[in-house]
């Protein structure tokens, strides 16, 4: 396992830490990922509904995501897939939940919580 380059003599960040992997500038406002990052940051602490491949739906507050599209929801509630013999009952309270990115089918953000987004 390789160690990350440490700070320079005066405490400045090394190039890998400043620009991210591959030398891409992730901190500047002109970087290719800045708009996507701003959009994700604007969704923090908003209520989301995530549908999963097994039919379950989780509703909770968006706390974070990572490069693999895994999503962390806070105050999450799980709703089971409704079947013919079973009506959808009470939600199961999960609290903090991690949804693997490969299990995410769709993500919806509550319209009340996205009124401040520039693209709505």
PDB file of N, CA and C in Angstrom:
ATOM      1  N   UNK A   1       0.850  -1.167   0.000  1.00  0.00           N
ATOM      2  CA  UNK A   1       0.000   0.000   0.000  1.00  0.00           C
ATOM      3  C   UNK A   1       0.897   1.231   0.000  1.00  0.00           C
ATOM      4  N   UNK A   2       0.729   2.103  -0.974  1.00  0.00           N
ATOM      5  CA  UNK A   2       1.562   3.291  -1.097  1.00  0.00           C
ATOM      6  C   UNK A   2       1.007   4.404  -0.234  1.00  0.00           C
ATOM      7  N   UNK A   3       1.909   5.153   0.374  1.00  0.00           N
ATOM      8  CA  UNK A   3       1.503   6.288   1.201  1.00  0.00           C
ATOM      9  C   UNK A   3       1.306   7.511   0.321  1.00  0.00           C
ATOM     10  N   UNK A   4       0.367   8.369   0.717  1.00  0.00           N
ATOM     11  CA  UNK A   4       0.156   9.620  -0.003  1.00  0.00           C
ATOM     12  C   UNK A   4       1.329  10.545   0.244  1.00  0.00           C
ATOM     13  N   UNK A   5       1.680  11.362  -0.733  1.00  0.00           N
ATOM     14  CA  UNK A   5       2.762  12.324  -0.500  1.00  0.00           C
ATOM     15  C   UNK A   5       2.368  13.297   0.593  1.00  0.00           C
ATOM     16  N   UNK A   6       3.293  13.606   1.461  1.00  0.00           N
ATOM     17  CA  UNK A   6       3.018  14.487   2.586  1.00  0.00           C
ATOM     18  C   UNK A   6       3.113  15.947   2.190  1.00  0.00           C
ATOM     19  N   UNK A   7       2.765  16.836   3.113  1.00  0.00           N
ATOM     20  CA  UNK A   7       2.854  18.257   2.818  1.00  0.00           C
ATOM     21  C   UNK A   7       4.295  18.678   2.609  1.00  0.00           C
ATOM     22  N   UNK A   8       4.464  19.794   1.899  1.00  0.00           N
ATOM     23  CA  UNK A   8       5.798  20.330   1.644  1.00  0.00           C
ATOM     24  C   UNK A   8       6.397  20.909   2.905  1.00  0.00           C
ATOM     25  N   UNK A   9       7.567  21.533   2.765  1.00  0.00           N
ATOM     26  CA  UNK A   9       8.270  22.046   3.935  1.00  0.00           C
ATOM     27  C   UNK A   9       7.479  23.122   4.661  1.00  0.00           C
ATOM     28  N   UNK A  10       6.742  23.933   3.931  1.00  0.00           N
ATOM     29  CA  UNK A  10       5.996  25.024   4.563  1.00  0.00           C
ATOM     30  C   UNK A  10       4.547  24.649   4.843  1.00  0.00           C
ATOM     31  N   UNK A  11       4.226  23.375   4.798  1.00  0.00           N
ATOM     32  CA  UNK A  11       2.870  22.930   5.080  1.00  0.00           C
ATOM     33  C   UNK A  11       1.952  22.957   3.872  1.00  0.00           C
ATOM     34  N   UNK A  12       2.490  23.310   2.669  1.00  0.00           N
ATOM     35  CA  UNK A  12       1.618  23.314   1.501  1.00  0.00           C
ATOM     36  C   UNK A  12       1.347  21.883   1.058  1.00  0.00           C
ATOM     37  N   UNK A  13       0.249  21.715   0.344  1.00  0.00           N
ATOM     38  CA  UNK A  13      -0.142  20.400  -0.132  1.00  0.00           C
ATOM     39  C   UNK A  13       0.718  19.973  -1.297  1.00  0.00           C
ATOM     40  N   UNK A  14       0.991  18.672  -1.399  1.00  0.00           N
ATOM     41  CA  UNK A  14       1.672  18.134  -2.564  1.00  0.00           C
ATOM     42  C   UNK A  14       0.751  18.186  -3.770  1.00  0.00           C
ATOM     43  N   UNK A  15       1.298  18.015  -4.973  1.00  0.00           N
ATOM     44  CA  UNK A  15       0.489  18.115  -6.195  1.00  0.00           C
ATOM     45  C   UNK A  15      -0.650  17.112  -6.217  1.00  0.00           C
ATOM     46  N   UNK A  16      -0.410  15.889  -5.753  1.00  0.00           N
ATOM     47  CA  UNK A  16      -1.437  14.852  -5.735  1.00  0.00           C
ATOM     48  C   UNK A  16      -2.588  15.250  -4.813  1.00  0.00           C
ATOM     49  N   UNK A  17      -2.277  15.851  -3.658  1.00  0.00           N
ATOM     50  CA  UNK A  17      -3.320  16.258  -2.729  1.00  0.00           C
ATOM     51  C   UNK A  17      -4.062  17.491  -3.222  1.00  0.00           C
ATOM     52  N   UNK A  18      -3.368  18.395  -3.864  1.00  0.00           N
ATOM     53  CA  UNK A  18      -3.979  19.634  -4.333  1.00  0.00           C
ATOM     54  C   UNK A  18      -4.855  19.391  -5.547  1.00  0.00           C
ATOM     55  N   UNK A  19      -4.401  18.580  -6.479  1.00  0.00           N
ATOM     56  CA  UNK A  19      -5.110  18.388  -7.742  1.00  0.00           C
ATOM     57  C   UNK A  19      -5.904  17.104  -7.811  1.00  0.00           C
ATOM     58  N   UNK A  20      -5.769  16.234  -6.849  1.00  0.00           N
ATOM     59  CA  UNK A  20      -6.499  14.975  -6.868  1.00  0.00           C
ATOM     60  C   UNK A  20      -5.796  13.966  -7.754  1.00  0.00           C
ATOM     61  N   UNK A  21      -6.301  12.730  -7.807  1.00  0.00           N
ATOM     62  CA  UNK A  21      -5.683  11.689  -8.609  1.00  0.00           C
ATOM     63  C   UNK A  21      -5.660  12.083 -10.084  1.00  0.00           C
ATOM     64  N   UNK A  22      -4.588  11.786 -10.744  1.00  0.00           N
ATOM     65  CA  UNK A  22      -4.481  12.079 -12.166  1.00  0.00           C
ATOM     66  C   UNK A  22      -4.137  13.518 -12.454  1.00  0.00           C
ATOM     67  N   UNK A  23      -3.862  14.326 -11.423  1.00  0.00           N
ATOM     68  CA  UNK A  23      -3.465  15.709 -11.620  1.00  0.00           C
ATOM     69  C   UNK A  23      -4.595  16.645 -11.997  1.00  0.00           C
ATOM     70  N   UNK A  24      -5.860  16.217 -11.848  1.00  0.00           N
ATOM     71  CA  UNK A  24      -6.981  17.082 -12.210  1.00  0.00           C
ATOM     72  C   UNK A  24      -7.242  18.081 -11.098  1.00  0.00           C
ATOM     73  N   UNK A  25      -7.481  19.326 -11.471  1.00  0.00           N
ATOM     74  CA  UNK A  25      -7.759  20.375 -10.502  1.00  0.00           C
ATOM     75  C   UNK A  25      -9.191  20.228 -10.016  1.00  0.00           C
ATOM     76  N   UNK A  26      -9.358  19.744  -8.767  1.00  0.00           N
ATOM     77  CA  UNK A  26     -10.698  19.523  -8.229  1.00  0.00           C
ATOM     78  C   UNK A  26     -11.151  20.665  -7.342  1.00  0.00           C
ATOM     79  N   UNK A  27     -10.283  21.620  -7.049  1.00  0.00           N
ATOM     80  CA  UNK A  27     -10.658  22.693  -6.150  1.00  0.00           C
ATOM     81  C   UNK A  27     -11.017  23.974  -6.875  1.00  0.00           C
ATOM     82  N   UNK A  28     -10.500  24.188  -8.058  1.00  0.00           N
ATOM     83  CA  UNK A  28     -10.762  25.424  -8.782  1.00  0.00           C
ATOM     84  C   UNK A  28     -12.171  25.468  -9.327  1.00  0.00           C
ATOM     85  N   UNK A  29     -12.717  26.663  -9.483  1.00  0.00           N
ATOM     86  CA  UNK A  29     -14.083  26.808  -9.975  1.00  0.00           C
ATOM     87  C   UNK A  29     -14.171  26.514 -11.467  1.00  0.00           C
ATOM     88  N   UNK A  30     -13.009  26.494 -12.172  1.00  0.00           N
ATOM     89  CA  UNK A  30     -13.016  26.204 -13.600  1.00  0.00           C
ATOM     90  C   UNK A  30     -12.809  24.728 -13.889  1.00  0.00           C
ATOM     91  N   UNK A  31     -12.659  23.891 -12.868  1.00  0.00           N
ATOM     92  CA  UNK A  31     -12.412  22.466 -13.055  1.00  0.00           C
ATOM     93  C   UNK A  31     -13.613  21.783 -13.684  1.00  0.00           C
ATOM     94  N   UNK A  32     -13.374  20.654 -14.353  1.00  0.00           N
ATOM     95  CA  UNK A  32     -14.465  19.954 -15.044  1.00  0.00           C
ATOM     96  C   UNK A  32     -15.512  19.372 -14.104  1.00  0.00           C
ATOM     97  N   UNK A  33     -15.159  19.183 -12.850  1.00  0.00           N
ATOM     98  CA  UNK A  33     -16.086  18.558 -11.919  1.00  0.00           C
ATOM     99  C   UNK A  33     -16.746  19.558 -10.982  1.00  0.00           C
ATOM    100  N   UNK A  34     -16.464  20.844 -11.134  1.00  0.00           N
ATOM    101  CA  UNK A  34     -16.951  21.815 -10.162  1.00  0.00           C
ATOM    102  C   UNK A  34     -18.474  21.936 -10.161  1.00  0.00           C
ATOM    103  N   UNK A  35     -19.111  21.913 -11.332  1.00  0.00           N
ATOM    104  CA  UNK A  35     -20.568  22.037 -11.367  1.00  0.00           C
ATOM    105  C   UNK A  35     -21.234  20.801 -10.781  1.00  0.00           C
ATOM    106  N   UNK A  36     -20.707  19.617 -11.096  1.00  0.00           N
ATOM    107  CA  UNK A  36     -21.270  18.387 -10.527  1.00  0.00           C
ATOM    108  C   UNK A  36     -21.096  18.380  -9.014  1.00  0.00           C
ATOM    109  N   UNK A  37     -19.939  18.830  -8.551  1.00  0.00           N
ATOM    110  CA  UNK A  37     -19.690  18.879  -7.118  1.00  0.00           C
ATOM    111  C   UNK A  37     -20.640  19.858  -6.432  1.00  0.00           C
ATOM    112  N   UNK A  38     -20.848  21.026  -7.045  1.00  0.00           N
ATOM    113  CA  UNK A  38     -21.769  22.014  -6.471  1.00  0.00           C
ATOM    114  C   UNK A  38     -23.188  21.467  -6.416  1.00  0.00           C
ATOM    115  N   UNK A  39     -23.596  20.734  -7.454  1.00  0.00           N
ATOM    116  CA  UNK A  39     -24.930  20.147  -7.462  1.00  0.00           C
ATOM    117  C   UNK A  39     -25.081  19.140  -6.329  1.00  0.00           C
ATOM    118  N   UNK A  40     -24.075  18.270  -6.166  1.00  0.00           N
ATOM    119  CA  UNK A  40     -24.131  17.294  -5.074  1.00  0.00           C
ATOM    120  C   UNK A  40     -24.147  17.995  -3.715  1.00  0.00           C
ATOM    121  N   UNK A  41     -23.335  19.028  -3.562  1.00  0.00           N
ATOM    122  CA  UNK A  41     -23.301  19.752  -2.294  1.00  0.00           C
ATOM    123  C   UNK A  41     -24.642  20.424  -2.006  1.00  0.00           C
ATOM    124  N   UNK A  42     -25.336  20.866  -3.045  1.00  0.00           N
ATOM    125  CA  UNK A  42     -26.637  21.504  -2.832  1.00  0.00           C
ATOM    126  C   UNK A  42     -27.704  20.491  -2.404  1.00  0.00           C
ATOM    127  N   UNK A  43     -27.461  19.216  -2.659  1.00  0.00           N
ATOM    128  CA  UNK A  43     -28.409  18.172  -2.273  1.00  0.00           C
ATOM    129  C   UNK A  43     -28.177  17.634  -0.867  1.00  0.00           C
ATOM    130  N   UNK A  44     -27.079  18.033  -0.240  1.00  0.00           N
ATOM    131  CA  UNK A  44     -26.799  17.548   1.108  1.00  0.00           C
ATOM    132  C   UNK A  44     -27.941  17.893   2.062  1.00  0.00           C
ATOM    133  N   UNK A  45     -28.287  16.935   2.892  1.00  0.00           N
ATOM    134  CA  UNK A  45     -29.350  17.062   3.900  1.00  0.00           C
ATOM    135  C   UNK A  45     -30.735  17.246   3.300  1.00  0.00           C
ATOM    136  N   UNK A  46     -30.912  16.924   2.024  1.00  0.00           N
ATOM    137  CA  UNK A  46     -32.234  16.936   1.397  1.00  0.00           C
ATOM    138  C   UNK A  46     -32.817  15.525   1.478  1.00  0.00           C
ATOM    139  N   UNK A  47     -34.124  15.452   1.513  1.00  0.00           N
ATOM    140  CA  UNK A  47     -34.798  14.167   1.575  1.00  0.00           C
ATOM    141  C   UNK A  47     -34.783  13.504   0.199  1.00  0.00           C
ATOM    142  N   UNK A  48     -34.359  12.234   0.157  1.00  0.00           N
ATOM    143  CA  UNK A  48     -34.269  11.473  -1.093  1.00  0.00           C
ATOM    144  C   UNK A  48     -35.026  10.163  -0.989  1.00  0.00           C
ATOM    145  N   UNK A  49     -35.520   9.732  -2.136  1.00  0.00           N
ATOM    146  CA  UNK A  49     -36.154   8.422  -2.260  1.00  0.00           C
ATOM    147  C   UNK A  49     -35.290   7.613  -3.221  1.00  0.00           C
ATOM    148  N   UNK A  50     -34.763   6.492  -2.749  1.00  0.00           N
ATOM    149  CA  UNK A  50     -33.901   5.644  -3.580  1.00  0.00           C
ATOM    150  C   UNK A  50     -34.577   4.303  -3.776  1.00  0.00           C
ATOM    151  N   UNK A  51     -34.804   3.957  -5.041  1.00  0.00           N
ATOM    152  CA  UNK A  51     -35.349   2.646  -5.380  1.00  0.00           C
ATOM    153  C   UNK A  51     -34.189   1.708  -5.667  1.00  0.00           C
ATOM    154  N   UNK A  52     -34.288   0.478  -5.152  1.00  0.00           N
ATOM    155  CA  UNK A  52     -33.200  -0.485  -5.278  1.00  0.00           C
ATOM    156  C   UNK A  52     -33.597  -1.643  -6.177  1.00  0.00           C
ATOM    157  N   UNK A  53     -32.583  -2.398  -6.633  1.00  0.00           N
ATOM    158  CA  UNK A  53     -32.804  -3.486  -7.581  1.00  0.00           C
ATOM    159  C   UNK A  53     -33.709  -4.585  -7.037  1.00  0.00           C
ATOM    160  N   UNK A  54     -33.773  -4.762  -5.729  1.00  0.00           N
ATOM    161  CA  UNK A  54     -34.614  -5.813  -5.159  1.00  0.00           C
ATOM    162  C   UNK A  54     -36.039  -5.346  -4.881  1.00  0.00           C
ATOM    163  N   UNK A  55     -36.379  -4.111  -5.292  1.00  0.00           N
ATOM    164  CA  UNK A  55     -37.742  -3.622  -5.136  1.00  0.00           C
ATOM    165  C   UNK A  55     -37.966  -2.770  -3.905  1.00  0.00           C
ATOM    166  N   UNK A  56     -37.024  -2.754  -2.997  1.00  0.00           N
ATOM    167  CA  UNK A  56     -37.185  -1.926  -1.803  1.00  0.00           C
ATOM    168  C   UNK A  56     -36.983  -0.457  -2.144  1.00  0.00           C
ATOM    169  N   UNK A  57     -37.556   0.412  -1.317  1.00  0.00           N
ATOM    170  CA  UNK A  57     -37.384   1.856  -1.443  1.00  0.00           C
ATOM    171  C   UNK A  57     -36.918   2.386  -0.104  1.00  0.00           C
ATOM    172  N   UNK A  58     -35.873   3.196  -0.140  1.00  0.00           N
ATOM    173  CA  UNK A  58     -35.377   3.828   1.074  1.00  0.00           C
ATOM    174  C   UNK A  58     -35.588   5.334   0.959  1.00  0.00           C
ATOM    175  N   UNK A  59     -36.075   5.937   2.024  1.00  0.00           N
ATOM    176  CA  UNK A  59     -36.272   7.384   2.073  1.00  0.00           C
ATOM    177  C   UNK A  59     -35.500   7.911   3.270  1.00  0.00           C
ATOM    178  N   UNK A  60     -34.680   8.928   3.021  1.00  0.00           N
ATOM    179  CA  UNK A  60     -33.893   9.504   4.102  1.00  0.00           C
ATOM    180  C   UNK A  60     -33.167  10.746   3.638  1.00  0.00           C
ATOM    181  N   UNK A  61     -32.329  11.304   4.498  1.00  0.00           N
ATOM    182  CA  UNK A  61     -31.577  12.510   4.198  1.00  0.00           C
ATOM    183  C   UNK A  61     -30.252  12.141   3.538  1.00  0.00           C
ATOM    184  N   UNK A  62     -29.948  12.768   2.417  1.00  0.00           N
ATOM    185  CA  UNK A  62     -28.706  12.530   1.698  1.00  0.00           C
ATOM    186  C   UNK A  62     -27.544  13.104   2.504  1.00  0.00           C
ATOM    187  N   UNK A  63     -26.623  12.222   2.914  1.00  0.00           N
ATOM    188  CA  UNK A  63     -25.480  12.659   3.702  1.00  0.00           C
ATOM    189  C   UNK A  63     -24.186  12.670   2.908  1.00  0.00           C
ATOM    190  N   UNK A  64     -23.960  11.643   2.085  1.00  0.00           N
ATOM    191  CA  UNK A  64     -22.740  11.636   1.279  1.00  0.00           C
ATOM    192  C   UNK A  64     -22.802  10.541   0.220  1.00  0.00           C
ATOM    193  N   UNK A  65     -21.849  10.636  -0.703  1.00  0.00           N
ATOM    194  CA  UNK A  65     -21.675   9.632  -1.741  1.00  0.00           C
ATOM    195  C   UNK A  65     -20.183   9.488  -1.994  1.00  0.00           C
ATOM    196  N   UNK A  66     -19.790   8.523  -2.818  1.00  0.00           N
ATOM    197  CA  UNK A  66     -18.382   8.347  -3.144  1.00  0.00           C
ATOM    198  C   UNK A  66     -18.222   8.036  -4.623  1.00  0.00           C
ATOM    199  N   UNK A  67     -17.010   7.725  -5.031  1.00  0.00           N
ATOM    200  CA  UNK A  67     -16.721   7.488  -6.452  1.00  0.00           C
ATOM    201  C   UNK A  67     -17.450   6.278  -7.013  1.00  0.00           C
ATOM    202  N   UNK A  68     -17.813   5.334  -6.162  1.00  0.00           N
ATOM    203  CA  UNK A  68     -18.518   4.133  -6.605  1.00  0.00           C
ATOM    204  C   UNK A  68     -20.024   4.318  -6.609  1.00  0.00           C
ATOM    205  N   UNK A  69     -20.483   5.541  -6.370  1.00  0.00           N
ATOM    206  CA  UNK A  69     -21.911   5.888  -6.327  1.00  0.00           C
ATOM    207  C   UNK A  69     -22.639   5.261  -5.150  1.00  0.00           C
ATOM    208  N   UNK A  70     -21.914   4.826  -4.132  1.00  0.00           N
ATOM    209  CA  UNK A  70     -22.566   4.399  -2.907  1.00  0.00           C
ATOM    210  C   UNK A  70     -23.174   5.637  -2.264  1.00  0.00           C
ATOM    211  N   UNK A  71     -24.322   5.474  -1.618  1.00  0.00           N
ATOM    212  CA  UNK A  71     -25.022   6.609  -1.021  1.00  0.00           C
ATOM    213  C   UNK A  71     -25.257   6.323   0.453  1.00  0.00           C
ATOM    214  N   UNK A  72     -25.028   7.331   1.285  1.00  0.00           N
ATOM    215  CA  UNK A  72     -25.334   7.239   2.717  1.00  0.00           C
ATOM    216  C   UNK A  72     -26.561   8.104   2.984  1.00  0.00           C
ATOM    217  N   UNK A  73     -27.590   7.487   3.576  1.00  0.00           N
ATOM    218  CA  UNK A  73     -28.800   8.203   3.979  1.00  0.00           C
ATOM    219  C   UNK A  73     -28.886   8.206   5.501  1.00  0.00           C
ATOM    220  N   UNK A  74     -29.269   9.343   6.058  1.00  0.00           N
ATOM    221  CA  UNK A  74     -29.521   9.441   7.489  1.00  0.00           C
ATOM    222  C   UNK A  74     -31.022   9.423   7.740  1.00  0.00           C
ATOM    223  N   UNK A  75     -31.423   8.985   8.919  1.00  0.00           N
ATOM    224  CA  UNK A  75     -32.838   8.883   9.297  1.00  0.00           C
ATOM    225  C   UNK A  75     -33.627   8.112   8.236  1.00  0.00           C
ATOM    226  N   UNK A  76     -33.033   7.035   7.751  1.00  0.00           N
ATOM    227  CA  UNK A  76     -33.622   6.273   6.640  1.00  0.00           C
ATOM    228  C   UNK A  76     -34.761   5.375   7.111  1.00  0.00           C
ATOM    229  N   UNK A  77     -35.746   5.256   6.222  1.00  0.00           N
ATOM    230  CA  UNK A  77     -36.858   4.326   6.421  1.00  0.00           C
ATOM    231  C   UNK A  77     -36.936   3.433   5.195  1.00  0.00           C
ATOM    232  N   UNK A  78     -37.210   2.167   5.430  1.00  0.00           N
ATOM    233  CA  UNK A  78     -37.278   1.181   4.348  1.00  0.00           C
ATOM    234  C   UNK A  78     -38.737   0.814   4.080  1.00  0.00           C
ATOM    235  N   UNK A  79     -39.110   0.852   2.813  1.00  0.00           N
ATOM    236  CA  UNK A  79     -40.438   0.425   2.381  1.00  0.00           C
ATOM    237  C   UNK A  79     -40.253  -0.796   1.499  1.00  0.00           C
ATOM    238  N   UNK A  80     -40.968  -1.865   1.824  1.00  0.00           N
ATOM    239  CA  UNK A  80     -40.848  -3.091   1.047  1.00  0.00           C
ATOM    240  C   UNK A  80     -41.641  -2.995  -0.241  1.00  0.00           C
ATOM    241  N   UNK A  81     -41.256  -3.808  -1.212  1.00  0.00           N
ATOM    242  CA  UNK A  81     -41.950  -3.871  -2.502  1.00  0.00           C
ATOM    243  C   UNK A  81     -43.345  -4.424  -2.257  1.00  0.00           C
ATOM    244  N   UNK A  82     -44.376  -3.702  -2.707  1.00  0.00           N
ATOM    245  CA  UNK A  82     -45.732  -4.226  -2.512  1.00  0.00           C
ATOM    246  C   UNK A  82     -45.961  -5.460  -3.386  1.00  0.00           C
ATOM    247  N   UNK A  83     -46.618  -6.468  -2.819  1.00  0.00           N
ATOM    248  CA  UNK A  83     -46.960  -7.678  -3.574  1.00  0.00           C
ATOM    249  C   UNK A  83     -48.469  -7.816  -3.621  1.00  0.00           C
ATOM    250  N   UNK A  84     -48.946  -8.768  -4.428  1.00  0.00           N
ATOM    251  CA  UNK A  84     -50.387  -8.971  -4.560  1.00  0.00           C
ATOM    252  C   UNK A  84     -51.024  -9.385  -3.238  1.00  0.00           C
ATOM    253  N   UNK A  85     -50.337 -10.240  -2.479  1.00  0.00           N
ATOM    254  CA  UNK A  85     -50.928 -10.755  -1.249  1.00  0.00           C
ATOM    255  C   UNK A  85     -50.635  -9.876  -0.042  1.00  0.00           C
ATOM    256  N   UNK A  86     -49.744  -8.918  -0.209  1.00  0.00           N
ATOM    257  CA  UNK A  86     -49.330  -8.097   0.924  1.00  0.00           C
ATOM    258  C   UNK A  86     -49.438  -6.626   0.549  1.00  0.00           C
ATOM    259  N   UNK A  87     -50.193  -5.890   1.347  1.00  0.00           N
ATOM    260  CA  UNK A  87     -50.256  -4.449   1.102  1.00  0.00           C
ATOM    261  C   UNK A  87     -49.038  -3.806   1.771  1.00  0.00           C
ATOM    262  N   UNK A  88     -48.617  -2.684   1.207  1.00  0.00           N
ATOM    263  CA  UNK A  88     -47.453  -2.013   1.771  1.00  0.00           C
ATOM    264  C   UNK A  88     -47.798  -1.515   3.164  1.00  0.00           C
ATOM    265  N   UNK A  89     -47.074  -2.021   4.161  1.00  0.00           N
ATOM    266  CA  UNK A  89     -47.361  -1.679   5.546  1.00  0.00           C
ATOM    267  C   UNK A  89     -46.513  -0.537   6.045  1.00  0.00           C
ATOM    268  N   UNK A  90     -46.292  -0.528   7.314  1.00  0.00           N
ATOM    269  CA  UNK A  90     -45.493   0.502   7.963  1.00  0.00           C
ATOM    270  C   UNK A  90     -44.037   0.401   7.514  1.00  0.00           C
ATOM    271  N   UNK A  91     -43.367   1.537   7.432  1.00  0.00           N
ATOM    272  CA  UNK A  91     -41.954   1.492   7.074  1.00  0.00           C
ATOM    273  C   UNK A  91     -41.117   0.956   8.233  1.00  0.00           C
ATOM    274  N   UNK A  92     -39.991   0.380   7.889  1.00  0.00           N
ATOM    275  CA  UNK A  92     -39.046  -0.078   8.906  1.00  0.00           C
ATOM    276  C   UNK A  92     -38.001   1.016   9.076  1.00  0.00           C
ATOM    277  N   UNK A  93     -37.786   1.464  10.295  1.00  0.00           N
ATOM    278  CA  UNK A  93     -36.829   2.528  10.574  1.00  0.00           C
ATOM    279  C   UNK A  93     -35.430   1.920  10.607  1.00  0.00           C
ATOM    280  N   UNK A  94     -34.539   2.453   9.757  1.00  0.00           N
ATOM    281  CA  UNK A  94     -33.174   1.958   9.685  1.00  0.00           C
ATOM    282  C   UNK A  94     -32.179   2.889  10.368  1.00  0.00           C
ATOM    283  N   UNK A  95     -32.453   4.178  10.351  1.00  0.00           N
ATOM    284  CA  UNK A  95     -31.489   5.144  10.874  1.00  0.00           C
ATOM    285  C   UNK A  95     -30.473   5.480   9.795  1.00  0.00           C
ATOM    286  N   UNK A  96     -29.210   5.151  10.016  1.00  0.00           N
ATOM    287  CA  UNK A  96     -28.152   5.405   9.046  1.00  0.00           C
ATOM    288  C   UNK A  96     -28.044   4.202   8.111  1.00  0.00           C
ATOM    289  N   UNK A  97     -28.092   4.442   6.800  1.00  0.00           N
ATOM    290  CA  UNK A  97     -28.067   3.339   5.839  1.00  0.00           C
ATOM    291  C   UNK A  97     -27.106   3.639   4.704  1.00  0.00           C
ATOM    292  N   UNK A  98     -26.378   2.610   4.265  1.00  0.00           N
ATOM    293  CA  UNK A  98     -25.494   2.727   3.113  1.00  0.00           C
ATOM    294  C   UNK A  98     -26.077   1.879   1.992  1.00  0.00           C
ATOM    295  N   UNK A  99     -26.303   2.518   0.842  1.00  0.00           N
ATOM    296  CA  UNK A  99     -26.851   1.827  -0.315  1.00  0.00           C
ATOM    297  C   UNK A  99     -25.731   1.666  -1.336  1.00  0.00           C
ATOM    298  N   UNK A 100     -25.341   0.435  -1.654  1.00  0.00           N
ATOM    299  CA  UNK A 100     -24.297   0.238  -2.665  1.00  0.00           C
ATOM    300  C   UNK A 100     -24.747   0.790  -4.013  1.00  0.00           C
ATOM    301  N   UNK A 101     -23.856   1.463  -4.702  1.00  0.00           N
ATOM    302  CA  UNK A 101     -24.194   2.104  -5.972  1.00  0.00           C
ATOM    303  C   UNK A 101     -24.740   1.155  -7.016  1.00  0.00           C
ATOM    304  N   UNK A 102     -24.260  -0.083  -7.036  1.00  0.00           N
ATOM    305  CA  UNK A 102     -24.735  -1.028  -8.057  1.00  0.00           C
ATOM    306  C   UNK A 102     -26.151  -1.531  -7.773  1.00  0.00           C
ATOM    307  N   UNK A 103     -26.714  -1.215  -6.615  1.00  0.00           N
ATOM    308  CA  UNK A 103     -28.096  -1.595  -6.303  1.00  0.00           C
ATOM    309  C   UNK A 103     -29.086  -0.448  -6.514  1.00  0.00           C
ATOM    310  N   UNK A 104     -28.592   0.739  -6.851  1.00  0.00           N
ATOM    311  CA  UNK A 104     -29.466   1.903  -7.038  1.00  0.00           C
ATOM    312  C   UNK A 104     -30.108   1.844  -8.417  1.00  0.00           C
ATOM    313  N   UNK A 105     -31.433   1.896  -8.458  1.00  0.00           N
ATOM    314  CA  UNK A 105     -32.177   1.946  -9.717  1.00  0.00           C
ATOM    315  C   UNK A 105     -32.529   3.384 -10.053  1.00  0.00           C
ATOM    316  N   UNK A 106     -33.041   4.126  -9.061  1.00  0.00           N
ATOM    317  CA  UNK A 106     -33.394   5.523  -9.296  1.00  0.00           C
ATOM    318  C   UNK A 106     -33.283   6.303  -7.996  1.00  0.00           C
ATOM    319  N   UNK A 107     -33.049   7.604  -8.157  1.00  0.00           N
ATOM    320  CA  UNK A 107     -32.976   8.513  -7.019  1.00  0.00           C
ATOM    321  C   UNK A 107     -33.898   9.688  -7.307  1.00  0.00           C
ATOM    322  N   UNK A 108     -34.757  10.003  -6.357  1.00  0.00           N
ATOM    323  CA  UNK A 108     -35.646  11.155  -6.475  1.00  0.00           C
ATOM    324  C   UNK A 108     -35.414  12.051  -5.269  1.00  0.00           C
ATOM    325  N   UNK A 109     -35.408  13.346  -5.519  1.00  0.00           N
ATOM    326  CA  UNK A 109     -35.270  14.324  -4.447  1.00  0.00           C
ATOM    327  C   UNK A 109     -36.622  14.984  -4.268  1.00  0.00           C
ATOM    328  N   UNK A 110     -37.053  15.172  -3.019  1.00  0.00           N
ATOM    329  CA  UNK A 110     -38.348  15.804  -2.774  1.00  0.00           C
ATOM    330  C   UNK A 110     -38.367  17.192  -3.384  1.00  0.00           C
ATOM    331  N   UNK A 111     -39.444  17.536  -4.072  1.00  0.00           N
ATOM    332  CA  UNK A 111     -39.533  18.813  -4.771  1.00  0.00           C
ATOM    333  C   UNK A 111     -39.507  20.000  -3.824  1.00  0.00           C
ATOM    334  N   UNK A 112     -40.023  19.849  -2.611  1.00  0.00           N
ATOM    335  CA  UNK A 112     -39.981  20.944  -1.646  1.00  0.00           C
ATOM    336  C   UNK A 112     -38.545  21.293  -1.291  1.00  0.00           C
ATOM    337  N   UNK A 113     -37.670  20.281  -1.270  1.00  0.00           N
ATOM    338  CA  UNK A 113     -36.306  20.503  -0.814  1.00  0.00           C
ATOM    339  C   UNK A 113     -35.374  20.911  -1.942  1.00  0.00           C
ATOM    340  N   UNK A 114     -35.820  20.931  -3.214  1.00  0.00           N
ATOM    341  CA  UNK A 114     -34.937  21.319  -4.309  1.00  0.00           C
ATOM    342  C   UNK A 114     -35.336  22.646  -4.930  1.00  0.00           C
ATOM    343  N   UNK A 115     -36.199  23.405  -4.291  1.00  0.00           N
ATOM    344  CA  UNK A 115     -36.649  24.659  -4.874  1.00  0.00           C
ATOM    345  C   UNK A 115     -35.518  25.664  -5.037  1.00  0.00           C
ATOM    346  N   UNK A 116     -34.425  25.484  -4.300  1.00  0.00           N
ATOM    347  CA  UNK A 116     -33.306  26.428  -4.391  1.00  0.00           C
ATOM    348  C   UNK A 116     -32.298  26.037  -5.476  1.00  0.00           C
ATOM    349  N   UNK A 117     -32.492  24.886  -6.149  1.00  0.00           N
ATOM    350  CA  UNK A 117     -31.547  24.464  -7.175  1.00  0.00           C
ATOM    351  C   UNK A 117     -31.675  25.318  -8.418  1.00  0.00           C
ATOM    352  N   UNK A 118     -30.560  25.645  -9.090  1.00  0.00           N
ATOM    353  CA  UNK A 118     -30.610  26.529 -10.247  1.00  0.00           C
ATOM    354  C   UNK A 118     -31.291  25.936 -11.472  1.00  0.00           C
ATOM    355  N   UNK A 119     -31.394  24.623 -11.584  1.00  0.00           N
ATOM    356  CA  UNK A 119     -31.950  24.016 -12.774  1.00  0.00           C
ATOM    357  C   UNK A 119     -33.416  23.640 -12.649  1.00  0.00           C
ATOM    358  N   UNK A 120     -34.092  24.011 -11.555  1.00  0.00           N
ATOM    359  CA  UNK A 120     -35.503  23.671 -11.411  1.00  0.00           C
ATOM    360  C   UNK A 120     -36.388  24.779 -11.902  1.00  0.00           C
TER     361      UNK A 120
END
